[in-house]
Amino acid sequence: MNANEMIDAILVLRDEKQVEMFKRLLHSEKLKYSSIDEIISSSPLLHRWMESTKEQTDTPDEFLAASGLQLIASVMGNLSHIMFGSTKIFPHLWIILLGPSSFFRKTTALNLTKNCLRDLDLSVDWSDYKYEVRAEGENNKITVKPVIRSGEDLLAPTRFSIDSLIEELQDIPTMIMIQSEFGVLLTELDKTYNLGSKETLTDIYDSGSFVKSNKTVKKENNGQPIKVVDSALSIYSASTRDWLEMYIKQSDIGSGFMARFLFVPVNEKTRAHGWPNTRNEDMYKSIKRDVAAIRKTVRGEFDASAIKPFYELWYFDLMERAHKEETFSKTIGFDSRLAIYALKFAMIMHASKYGNTKLTLDSFISGIQLAEYFREKTNELFATTFLSEFDKNVRRLAEYIFRNDHGKTRRQLQQRAGSYEIKASEFKQIVEILEEDGDVYWDCDEKATISYASKYLKGVITT
């Protein structure tokens, strides 16, 4: 049975009007090109988060939206999941904010999530306790594992080593690592005492489990191997494009480690505050109360029966696009992981809207929108960041032409190219490429202009 036959089989299962609506939506801009802040604002709780945080900081809206998603994901942790075949899908996220230093307030966005988690009082009931009986000599000793009473208990240690993290996850398998600079984290992962850490983190992300067993480990762990089971480890960090390019290795991309991350690149700020407003404490209390309530009410397996046929429709459409398009998503296998992220986002959005585990189509559509948003941003990022020196020079010249539209002659462009240390022969080659692609043409005064749709401008400027 081919993809089209499978889709036809799926369609008979659903109300025809609903299916036709969804098929039209698959090819609409609303599904594939909505902004992240617009998507998450469909949740009343996350809308309040956006409105509250906008008043406190001029951090770009995209960063505030990511912080809201990470907040909900961290509180949900491993208490709820979707069964995908025989695999449990937990709603944990790996997100990196990208933007220029200082004025884009990336650390502020990270701290909004961290501080709100620290302020959460979480309801404790029987399911937060895990009892374990271990024999010691003639007596049986009962060990009670840690109880999650505060959102602060969900914060992973800021000092990173893979051994200490695994030990923490053994007792608290739901955690979020918040690191102010992703490049520093990558450096730590490559240190001798963290050898194999990327592979370990990848295993934990994919399967939620990890076992470490040798004589030394057993001796330190009451004679037992260290076991991580059903873990939902979120990672939230930030960087600049330059730092990202400096610290990410091609082996990281090829191995699939980086393909598990979602990136939020921002080139321009949404707004500026001369003097931000003081936090609205009443709104903040209501947000904390409703976020904490999610941990109590959203538990167990999500009922995904209402969205399965629509998931398959979207999945087949995504795979068809992935097969046809020559994008970076295809190169690193990001699209297959994106299909899982759509389910994670659907859970997060549904929990924040309805506080239960019966997935609805509107929540799934929000999940697809978020997945498509990150697909677009990933392709944009990797198409504009990890470039050869020649490709960088093409982009430099294209951007210069854009910023001086109808203002520079060929000779003046060559002088600018010289300031970029571009040789005359290379300059000639670059201009020929831009002309052949139909990006650059010359007006009646023999001055250059460039198409706004040029692929060399994508992700560099906002038109």
Protein backbone atom coordinates (compact mmCIF):
# COMPACT_ATOMS: atom_id res chain seq x y z
CA MET A 1 0.00 0.00 0.00
CA ASN A 2 1.55 3.34 -1.05
CA ALA A 3 1.23 6.64 0.82
CA ASN A 4 -1.80 7.83 -1.19
CA GLU A 5 -3.66 4.56 -0.62
CA MET A 6 -2.91 4.79 3.10
CA ILE A 7 -4.24 8.35 3.21
CA ASP A 8 -7.43 7.27 1.41
CA ALA A 9 -7.87 4.52 3.99
CA ILE A 10 -7.45 7.03 6.79
CA LEU A 11 -10.01 9.43 5.35
CA VAL A 12 -12.91 7.00 5.66
CA LEU A 13 -12.41 7.00 9.42
CA ARG A 14 -13.24 10.66 9.91
CA ASP A 15 -16.04 13.09 9.31
CA GLU A 16 -15.62 14.23 5.68
CA LYS A 17 -15.98 17.95 6.45
CA GLN A 18 -13.37 17.76 9.21
CA VAL A 19 -10.99 15.87 6.95
CA GLU A 20 -11.44 18.32 4.08
CA MET A 21 -10.79 21.21 6.45
CA PHE A 22 -7.60 19.57 7.64
CA LYS A 23 -6.42 18.78 4.09
CA ARG A 24 -6.87 22.45 3.13
CA LEU A 25 -5.04 23.46 6.28
CA LEU A 26 -2.08 21.25 5.34
CA HIS A 27 -1.31 23.53 2.40
CA SER A 28 -2.13 26.83 4.04
CA GLU A 29 0.28 29.50 5.26
CA LYS A 30 -1.49 29.51 8.62
CA LEU A 31 -0.24 25.99 9.32
CA LYS A 32 3.31 26.43 8.06
CA TYR A 33 4.21 30.05 8.59
CA SER A 34 2.62 31.23 11.85
CA SER A 35 4.85 32.96 14.41
CA ILE A 36 5.67 31.06 17.59
CA ASP A 37 4.18 33.71 19.88
CA GLU A 38 0.93 33.72 17.88
CA ILE A 39 0.68 29.93 18.10
CA ILE A 40 1.20 29.57 21.83
CA SER A 41 -1.10 32.51 22.57
CA SER A 42 -3.98 30.24 21.51
CA SER A 43 -3.61 28.85 25.04
CA PRO A 44 -5.19 31.22 27.62
CA LEU A 45 -2.50 30.29 30.17
CA LEU A 46 0.40 30.85 27.79
CA HIS A 47 -1.27 34.02 26.50
CA ARG A 48 -1.20 35.37 30.06
CA TRP A 49 2.45 34.33 30.30
CA MET A 50 3.24 36.30 27.15
CA GLU A 51 1.33 39.40 28.27
CA SER A 52 2.89 39.35 31.73
CA THR A 53 6.48 38.88 30.57
CA LYS A 54 6.19 41.44 27.75
CA GLU A 55 5.65 44.12 30.37
CA GLN A 56 8.74 43.10 32.34
CA THR A 57 11.33 42.91 29.55
CA ASP A 58 11.99 43.77 25.92
CA THR A 59 13.20 40.21 25.27
CA PRO A 60 11.89 39.24 21.80
CA ASP A 61 8.47 37.63 21.79
CA GLU A 62 9.91 34.45 20.24
CA PHE A 63 12.16 33.97 23.29
CA LEU A 64 9.28 34.59 25.70
CA ALA A 65 7.19 32.01 23.84
CA ALA A 66 10.01 29.44 24.08
CA SER A 67 10.28 30.13 27.82
CA GLY A 68 6.57 29.47 28.26
CA LEU A 69 6.79 26.17 26.40
CA GLN A 70 9.78 25.06 28.48
CA LEU A 71 7.98 26.00 31.69
CA ILE A 72 4.99 23.78 30.90
CA ALA A 73 7.18 20.96 29.57
CA SER A 74 9.29 20.96 32.75
CA VAL A 75 6.28 20.76 35.03
CA MET A 76 4.70 17.96 33.00
CA GLY A 77 7.97 16.04 33.01
CA ASN A 78 7.50 12.27 32.80
CA LEU A 79 4.13 12.21 34.54
CA SER A 80 2.28 12.06 31.20
CA HIS A 81 3.09 10.60 27.81
CA ILE A 82 1.83 9.42 24.44
CA MET A 83 2.33 5.78 23.50
CA PHE A 84 3.91 5.80 20.04
CA GLY A 85 4.07 2.13 19.14
CA SER A 86 5.91 0.67 22.12
CA THR A 87 7.70 3.94 22.95
CA LYS A 88 6.63 6.51 25.51
CA ILE A 89 6.83 10.07 24.17
CA PHE A 90 7.37 12.54 27.00
CA PRO A 91 6.97 16.31 26.44
CA HIS A 92 10.59 17.29 27.21
CA LEU A 93 12.21 19.86 24.89
CA TRP A 94 15.75 20.78 23.89
CA ILE A 95 15.66 24.46 22.89
CA ILE A 96 18.45 26.94 22.08
CA LEU A 97 17.82 30.69 21.79
CA LEU A 98 20.00 32.46 19.22
CA GLY A 99 20.58 36.18 18.91
CA PRO A 100 23.20 38.92 19.18
CA SER A 101 24.75 39.58 22.58
CA SER A 102 23.45 41.88 25.32
CA PHE A 103 20.42 43.73 23.97
CA PHE A 104 18.49 40.61 22.98
CA ARG A 105 18.15 39.52 26.63
CA LYS A 106 18.62 35.81 26.02
CA THR A 107 19.67 35.20 29.63
CA THR A 108 16.60 37.12 30.79
CA ALA A 109 14.41 34.67 28.87
CA LEU A 110 16.19 31.70 30.48
CA ASN A 111 15.80 33.25 33.92
CA LEU A 112 12.06 33.82 33.45
CA THR A 113 11.60 30.06 33.20
CA LYS A 114 14.09 29.30 35.97
CA ASN A 115 12.63 31.83 38.42
CA CYS A 116 9.03 30.79 37.82
CA LEU A 117 9.96 27.15 38.42
CA ARG A 118 11.68 28.12 41.68
CA ASP A 119 8.54 29.93 42.80
CA LEU A 120 6.18 27.02 42.14
CA ASP A 121 4.61 25.15 45.04
CA LEU A 122 3.73 21.73 43.66
CA SER A 123 0.98 19.55 45.04
CA VAL A 124 2.41 16.35 46.54
CA ASP A 125 0.43 13.13 46.45
CA TRP A 126 1.21 9.40 46.44
CA SER A 127 2.48 9.37 42.85
CA ASP A 128 5.35 11.68 43.76
CA TYR A 129 6.76 9.08 46.16
CA LYS A 130 8.88 6.12 45.07
CA TYR A 131 9.75 3.52 47.68
CA GLU A 132 12.57 1.06 47.30
CA VAL A 133 13.58 -1.78 49.63
CA ARG A 134 17.25 -2.73 49.75
CA ALA A 135 18.77 -5.49 51.89
CA GLU A 136 21.64 -4.45 54.15
CA GLY A 137 22.96 -7.25 56.33
CA GLU A 138 20.19 -8.77 58.39
CA ASN A 139 17.98 -5.70 58.25
CA ASN A 140 15.84 -4.34 55.44
CA LYS A 141 16.29 -0.64 54.97
CA ILE A 142 13.53 1.41 53.34
CA THR A 143 14.87 4.23 51.18
CA VAL A 144 12.46 6.98 50.20
CA LYS A 145 13.50 8.79 47.05
CA PRO A 146 13.17 12.59 46.89
CA VAL A 147 9.70 14.11 46.78
CA ILE A 148 9.02 16.94 44.35
CA ARG A 149 7.57 19.71 46.50
CA SER A 150 8.82 22.74 44.56
CA GLY A 151 9.61 23.55 40.96
CA GLU A 152 13.15 24.22 42.15
CA ASP A 153 13.55 20.46 42.62
CA LEU A 154 13.18 20.12 38.85
CA LEU A 155 16.26 22.26 38.11
CA ALA A 156 19.36 20.28 37.19
CA PRO A 157 22.70 21.34 38.74
CA THR A 158 24.34 24.26 36.92
CA ARG A 159 27.78 22.61 37.18
CA PHE A 160 27.73 19.92 34.54
CA SER A 161 29.29 16.49 34.46
CA ILE A 162 27.59 13.52 32.86
CA ASP A 163 28.20 11.32 35.92
CA SER A 164 26.60 13.77 38.36
CA LEU A 165 23.67 14.32 35.99
CA ILE A 166 23.02 10.58 35.67
CA GLU A 167 23.07 10.23 39.46
CA GLU A 168 20.55 13.06 39.78
CA LEU A 169 18.30 11.58 37.08
CA GLN A 170 18.30 8.24 38.91
CA ASP A 171 16.36 9.86 41.75
CA ILE A 172 14.56 12.64 39.87
CA PRO A 173 14.11 11.57 36.23
CA THR A 174 12.30 14.82 35.42
CA MET A 175 14.70 17.77 35.22
CA ILE A 176 15.59 20.79 33.13
CA MET A 177 19.16 21.92 32.43
CA ILE A 178 19.29 25.70 32.02
CA GLN A 179 22.69 26.87 30.73
CA SER A 180 23.30 30.54 29.91
CA GLU A 181 25.76 29.77 27.07
CA PHE A 182 25.35 26.72 24.88
CA GLY A 183 28.94 26.98 23.62
CA VAL A 184 30.20 26.52 27.19
CA LEU A 185 28.01 23.43 27.60
CA LEU A 186 29.38 21.97 24.35
CA THR A 187 32.91 22.62 25.61
CA GLU A 188 32.13 20.79 28.86
CA LEU A 189 30.66 17.85 26.94
CA ASP A 190 33.95 17.46 25.05
CA LYS A 191 36.17 17.35 28.15
CA THR A 192 37.95 14.12 29.02
CA TYR A 193 35.86 13.38 32.12
CA ASN A 194 32.69 13.73 30.01
CA LEU A 195 33.68 11.39 27.19
CA GLY A 196 30.62 9.73 25.72
CA SER A 197 28.31 12.36 27.22
CA LYS A 198 26.71 13.35 23.89
CA GLU A 199 25.89 9.72 23.14
CA THR A 200 24.50 9.31 26.66
CA LEU A 201 22.33 12.42 26.37
CA THR A 202 21.10 11.25 22.98
CA ASP A 203 20.14 7.86 24.44
CA ILE A 204 18.31 9.53 27.32
CA TYR A 205 16.47 11.84 24.94
CA ASP A 206 15.37 8.98 22.69
CA SER A 207 14.55 6.20 25.13
CA GLY A 208 14.30 7.86 28.53
CA SER A 209 16.56 5.19 30.01
CA PHE A 210 20.22 4.56 30.77
CA VAL A 211 22.15 1.99 32.80
CA LYS A 212 25.67 2.41 34.16
CA SER A 213 27.17 -0.62 35.83
CA ASN A 214 30.66 -1.51 37.02
CA LYS A 215 32.26 -2.38 40.37
CA THR A 216 33.02 1.22 41.30
CA VAL A 217 29.53 2.41 40.44
CA LYS A 218 27.89 -0.43 42.36
CA LYS A 219 30.04 0.25 45.40
CA GLU A 220 28.98 3.91 45.40
CA ASN A 221 25.34 3.05 44.70
CA ASN A 222 24.63 0.56 47.50
CA GLY A 223 25.77 -2.36 45.38
CA GLN A 224 23.38 -1.55 42.54
CA PRO A 225 23.98 -0.23 39.01
CA ILE A 226 22.83 3.31 38.31
CA LYS A 227 19.57 3.12 36.39
CA VAL A 228 17.73 5.98 34.74
CA VAL A 229 14.19 5.02 33.80
CA ASP A 230 11.44 7.06 32.11
CA SER A 231 13.49 10.23 32.22
CA ALA A 232 12.32 13.48 30.65
CA LEU A 233 15.37 15.72 30.57
CA SER A 234 14.80 19.16 29.07
CA ILE A 235 17.65 21.43 27.96
CA TYR A 236 17.27 25.20 27.67
CA SER A 237 20.19 27.37 26.62
CA ALA A 238 21.25 30.31 24.45
CA SER A 239 24.06 31.42 22.17
CA THR A 240 25.03 33.65 19.27
CA ARG A 241 25.41 32.41 15.71
CA ASP A 242 29.17 33.01 15.88
CA TRP A 243 29.57 30.95 19.08
CA LEU A 244 27.38 28.21 17.68
CA GLU A 245 29.50 28.00 14.55
CA MET A 246 32.66 27.99 16.65
CA TYR A 247 31.69 25.15 18.97
CA ILE A 248 29.50 22.82 16.91
CA LYS A 249 31.48 20.15 15.12
CA GLN A 250 30.44 18.44 11.90
CA SER A 251 30.50 15.17 13.85
CA ASP A 252 27.82 16.60 16.18
CA ILE A 253 25.59 17.26 13.20
CA GLY A 254 26.31 13.98 11.46
CA SER A 255 25.76 11.92 14.62
CA GLY A 256 22.29 13.34 15.12
CA PHE A 257 23.10 15.00 18.45
CA MET A 258 22.36 18.50 17.14
CA ALA A 259 19.33 17.29 15.18
CA ARG A 260 17.52 16.82 18.47
CA PHE A 261 17.73 20.52 19.31
CA LEU A 262 15.20 23.18 18.40
CA PHE A 263 16.58 26.64 17.60
CA VAL A 264 14.90 30.01 17.98
CA PRO A 265 17.01 32.46 15.95
CA VAL A 266 16.04 36.14 16.21
CA ASN A 267 17.62 38.91 14.14
CA GLU A 268 15.54 41.91 15.21
CA LYS A 269 13.92 42.90 18.51
CA THR A 270 10.17 43.04 18.86
CA ARG A 271 10.11 46.17 21.00
CA ALA A 272 12.25 48.26 23.35
CA HIS A 273 11.62 49.26 26.97
CA GLY A 274 13.36 52.31 28.36
CA TRP A 275 12.10 51.36 31.81
CA PRO A 276 10.20 48.04 32.08
CA ASN A 277 7.07 47.75 34.21
CA THR A 278 7.05 46.02 37.57
CA ARG A 279 5.62 42.51 37.47
CA ASN A 280 1.86 42.24 38.01
CA GLU A 281 1.87 40.06 41.13
CA ASP A 282 -1.79 39.05 40.89
CA MET A 283 -1.31 37.80 37.33
CA TYR A 284 1.94 36.08 38.29
CA LYS A 285 0.23 34.25 41.16
CA SER A 286 -2.55 33.05 38.86
CA ILE A 287 0.02 31.84 36.30
CA LYS A 288 1.96 29.96 38.99
CA ARG A 289 -1.23 28.40 40.35
CA ASP A 290 -2.39 27.20 36.93
CA VAL A 291 1.06 25.92 35.91
CA ALA A 292 1.40 23.98 39.17
CA ALA A 293 -2.08 22.52 38.69
CA ILE A 294 -0.95 20.89 35.43
CA ARG A 295 1.40 18.61 37.37
CA LYS A 296 -1.53 17.41 39.45
CA THR A 297 -4.18 16.98 36.75
CA VAL A 298 -2.23 15.96 33.62
CA ARG A 299 -1.01 12.46 34.45
CA GLY A 300 -0.76 9.15 32.69
CA GLU A 301 -1.17 8.23 29.03
CA PHE A 302 -2.70 10.76 26.64
CA ASP A 303 -5.68 9.51 24.66
CA ALA A 304 -4.54 10.29 21.11
CA SER A 305 -7.31 8.40 19.30
CA ALA A 306 -8.95 11.60 18.00
CA ILE A 307 -5.77 12.87 16.35
CA LYS A 308 -4.10 9.72 14.97
CA PRO A 309 -5.64 9.90 11.47
CA PHE A 310 -4.75 13.59 11.18
CA TYR A 311 -1.24 12.92 12.43
CA GLU A 312 -0.76 10.39 9.66
CA LEU A 313 -2.09 12.82 7.04
CA TRP A 314 0.38 15.46 8.16
CA TYR A 315 3.19 12.93 8.53
CA PHE A 316 2.82 11.67 4.94
CA ASP A 317 2.71 15.26 3.70
CA LEU A 318 5.85 16.09 5.69
CA MET A 319 7.72 13.04 4.39
CA GLU A 320 6.74 13.89 0.81
CA ARG A 321 8.10 17.40 1.24
CA ALA A 322 11.23 16.08 2.93
CA HIS A 323 11.83 13.74 0.00
CA LYS A 324 11.42 16.48 -2.62
CA GLU A 325 13.16 19.39 -0.91
CA GLU A 326 16.92 19.73 -0.68
CA THR A 327 16.95 21.23 2.82
CA PHE A 328 19.20 20.88 5.81
CA SER A 329 16.33 19.13 7.61
CA LYS A 330 16.75 16.31 5.11
CA THR A 331 20.54 16.25 5.46
CA ILE A 332 20.52 15.73 9.23
CA GLY A 333 17.33 13.66 9.45
CA PHE A 334 15.58 16.42 11.38
CA ASP A 335 12.17 15.84 9.80
CA SER A 336 11.70 12.39 11.33
CA ARG A 337 12.41 13.83 14.77
CA LEU A 338 10.18 16.79 14.01
CA ALA A 339 7.25 14.39 13.65
CA ILE A 340 7.81 13.38 17.29
CA TYR A 341 8.20 16.99 18.39
CA ALA A 342 4.73 17.72 16.95
CA LEU A 343 3.32 15.23 19.47
CA LYS A 344 5.31 16.79 22.31
CA PHE A 345 3.98 20.24 21.41
CA ALA A 346 0.44 18.90 21.13
CA MET A 347 0.69 17.53 24.69
CA ILE A 348 2.11 20.78 26.04
CA MET A 349 -0.49 22.95 24.33
CA HIS A 350 -3.33 20.65 25.37
CA ALA A 351 -2.19 20.53 29.00
CA SER A 352 -1.96 24.34 29.12
CA LYS A 353 -5.42 24.73 27.53
CA TYR A 354 -7.50 21.98 29.07
CA GLY A 355 -5.57 20.40 31.94
CA ASN A 356 -6.42 16.83 30.92
CA THR A 357 -5.03 14.00 28.79
CA LYS A 358 -7.65 13.63 26.05
CA LEU A 359 -5.95 15.14 23.00
CA THR A 360 -8.12 17.27 20.72
CA LEU A 361 -7.62 18.27 17.09
CA ASP A 362 -7.09 21.95 17.90
CA SER A 363 -4.24 21.05 20.28
CA PHE A 364 -2.68 18.84 17.62
CA ILE A 365 -2.93 21.61 15.02
CA SER A 366 -1.05 23.88 17.44
CA GLY A 367 1.55 21.12 17.75
CA ILE A 368 1.93 20.91 13.98
CA GLN A 369 2.23 24.69 13.70
CA LEU A 370 5.05 24.70 16.24
CA ALA A 371 6.78 21.80 14.50
CA GLU A 372 6.57 23.62 11.15
CA TYR A 373 7.88 26.81 12.76
CA PHE A 374 10.97 25.00 14.03
CA ARG A 375 11.45 23.24 10.69
CA GLU A 376 11.60 26.60 8.92
CA LYS A 377 13.97 28.05 11.54
CA THR A 378 16.27 25.02 11.44
CA ASN A 379 16.60 25.17 7.67
CA GLU A 380 17.20 28.92 7.86
CA LEU A 381 19.81 28.58 10.59
CA PHE A 382 21.89 25.81 9.08
CA ALA A 383 21.65 27.30 5.58
CA THR A 384 23.10 30.60 6.82
CA THR A 385 25.47 29.66 9.64
CA PHE A 386 27.71 26.74 8.67
CA LEU A 387 29.08 28.10 5.40
CA SER A 388 32.34 27.94 3.51
CA GLU A 389 34.37 31.14 3.37
CA PHE A 390 33.33 31.67 -0.24
CA ASP A 391 29.61 31.29 0.62
CA LYS A 392 30.07 33.75 3.48
CA ASN A 393 31.55 36.27 1.04
CA VAL A 394 28.58 35.82 -1.29
CA ARG A 395 26.23 36.57 1.62
CA ARG A 396 28.31 39.56 2.73
CA LEU A 397 28.14 41.13 -0.70
CA ALA A 398 24.44 40.30 -1.15
CA GLU A 399 23.61 41.95 2.16
CA TYR A 400 25.71 45.01 1.29
CA ILE A 401 23.83 45.39 -2.02
CA PHE A 402 20.52 45.08 -0.18
CA ARG A 403 21.45 47.77 2.34
CA ASN A 404 22.57 50.09 -0.44
CA ASP A 405 19.78 49.37 -2.92
CA HIS A 406 20.29 51.21 -6.24
CA GLY A 407 23.20 52.99 -4.58
CA LYS A 408 26.43 51.27 -5.66
CA THR A 409 28.12 50.75 -9.00
CA ARG A 410 30.11 47.63 -9.89
CA ARG A 411 33.35 49.49 -9.13
CA GLN A 412 32.11 50.61 -5.72
CA LEU A 413 31.00 47.06 -4.93
CA GLN A 414 34.45 45.78 -5.81
CA GLN A 415 35.99 48.35 -3.44
CA ARG A 416 33.71 47.10 -0.67
CA ALA A 417 34.63 43.51 -1.55
CA GLY A 418 38.28 44.49 -1.11
CA SER A 419 37.51 45.60 2.45
CA TYR A 420 36.17 42.06 3.03
CA GLU A 421 39.51 40.76 1.67
CA ILE A 422 37.73 39.34 -1.38
CA LYS A 423 40.10 39.10 -4.33
CA ALA A 424 39.15 40.59 -7.73
CA SER A 425 38.79 37.15 -9.34
CA GLU A 426 36.53 35.96 -6.50
CA PHE A 427 34.48 39.17 -6.69
CA LYS A 428 33.87 38.55 -10.40
CA GLN A 429 32.77 34.98 -9.64
CA ILE A 430 30.40 36.14 -6.89
CA VAL A 431 28.73 38.72 -9.12
CA GLU A 432 28.30 36.13 -11.86
CA ILE A 433 26.63 33.74 -9.39
CA LEU A 434 24.25 36.45 -8.17
CA GLU A 435 23.39 37.43 -11.73
CA GLU A 436 22.87 33.85 -12.91
CA ASP A 437 20.54 33.15 -9.98
CA GLY A 438 18.52 36.21 -10.98
CA ASP A 439 19.23 37.85 -7.62
CA VAL A 440 21.21 40.88 -8.79
CA TYR A 441 20.52 43.18 -11.70
CA TRP A 442 21.64 46.66 -12.71
CA ASP A 443 19.40 49.70 -13.10
CA CYS A 444 19.63 52.34 -15.78
CA ASP A 445 22.42 54.10 -13.85
CA GLU A 446 24.39 50.83 -13.72
CA LYS A 447 23.83 50.56 -9.97
CA ALA A 448 23.10 47.24 -8.28
CA THR A 449 19.88 46.05 -6.69
CA ILE A 450 18.99 42.62 -5.33
CA SER A 451 15.79 40.62 -5.13
CA TYR A 452 14.25 40.52 -1.66
CA ALA A 453 13.61 36.82 -2.28
CA SER A 454 17.30 36.04 -2.69
CA LYS A 455 18.31 32.93 -0.78
CA TYR A 456 21.51 34.76 0.23
CA LEU A 457 19.46 37.21 2.31
CA LYS A 458 17.39 34.58 4.10
CA GLY A 459 17.91 34.66 7.84
CA VAL A 460 20.26 37.66 7.65
CA ILE A 461 17.86 40.55 7.24
CA THR A 462 14.13 41.08 7.70
CA THR A 463 12.42 42.47 4.64
